[in-house]
Amino acid sequence: MPVDAENLNYASVALIGTFLISNIMFFFPKYGAYKWFTGPAKTVDVEDSVMDIGDAASKALD
């Protein structure tokens, strides 16, 4: 059965298109995210967010 426009599965076309566009936008020489993206911003200090079992138990009892 030959493939034509009516019975073509366009998922592969969409996947390749998304891959190409995202790579072009990431590696674009001047404005690409490769130059300016540094990762997610840290909004929580690790020392403040970690408490031991004793602290958690005393807070639960208060």
Protein backbone atom coordinates (compact mmCIF):
# COMPACT_ATOMS: atom_id res chain seq x y z
CA MET A 1 0.00 0.00 0.00
CA PRO A 2 1.68 3.24 -1.07
CA VAL A 3 1.87 6.18 1.29
CA ASP A 4 0.28 9.43 0.21
CA ALA A 5 -0.94 12.60 1.94
CA GLU A 6 -4.18 10.97 3.10
CA ASN A 7 -2.68 8.02 4.98
CA LEU A 8 0.70 9.41 6.08
CA ASN A 9 1.37 9.39 9.81
CA TYR A 10 2.52 12.96 10.44
CA ALA A 11 3.91 12.23 13.93
CA SER A 12 7.40 11.65 12.52
CA VAL A 13 7.21 14.88 10.52
CA ALA A 14 6.14 16.83 13.62
CA LEU A 15 8.85 15.19 15.74
CA ILE A 16 11.64 15.96 13.28
CA GLY A 17 10.34 19.52 12.80
CA THR A 18 10.24 20.13 16.55
CA PHE A 19 13.73 18.69 16.92
CA LEU A 20 15.13 20.87 14.16
CA ILE A 21 13.47 24.09 15.36
CA SER A 22 14.53 23.54 18.97
CA ASN A 23 18.14 22.81 17.99
CA ILE A 24 18.30 25.83 15.72
CA MET A 25 16.93 28.07 18.47
CA PHE A 26 19.32 26.61 21.06
CA PHE A 27 22.50 26.84 19.00
CA PHE A 28 21.73 30.05 17.07
CA PRO A 29 25.05 31.93 17.13
CA LYS A 30 24.07 35.29 18.61
CA TYR A 31 20.69 34.90 20.29
CA GLY A 32 20.63 31.19 21.02
CA ALA A 33 19.93 29.85 24.48
CA TYR A 34 23.32 28.17 24.45
CA LYS A 35 24.87 31.58 25.17
CA TRP A 36 22.55 32.89 27.91
CA PHE A 37 20.65 29.98 29.52
CA THR A 38 22.14 29.12 32.92
CA GLY A 39 19.52 26.70 34.22
CA PRO A 40 16.66 27.08 36.68
CA ALA A 41 16.99 29.75 39.36
CA LYS A 42 17.50 28.51 42.90
CA THR A 43 14.87 29.97 45.21
CA VAL A 44 15.37 27.79 48.29
CA ASP A 45 18.50 27.48 50.40
CA VAL A 46 19.37 23.85 50.97
CA GLU A 47 20.39 24.45 54.58
CA ASP A 48 17.05 26.07 55.43
CA SER A 49 14.93 23.49 53.65
CA VAL A 50 16.45 20.41 55.29
CA MET A 51 15.48 19.67 58.88
CA ASP A 52 16.22 16.59 60.91
CA ILE A 53 13.63 14.30 62.45
CA GLY A 54 13.83 16.03 65.85
CA ASP A 55 13.00 19.43 64.37
CA ALA A 56 10.11 18.01 62.38
CA ALA A 57 8.70 16.24 65.44
CA SER A 58 8.95 19.34 67.63
CA LYS A 59 7.22 21.46 64.98
CA ALA A 60 4.44 18.88 64.66
CA LEU A 61 3.85 18.87 68.42
CA ASP A 62 3.66 22.68 68.67
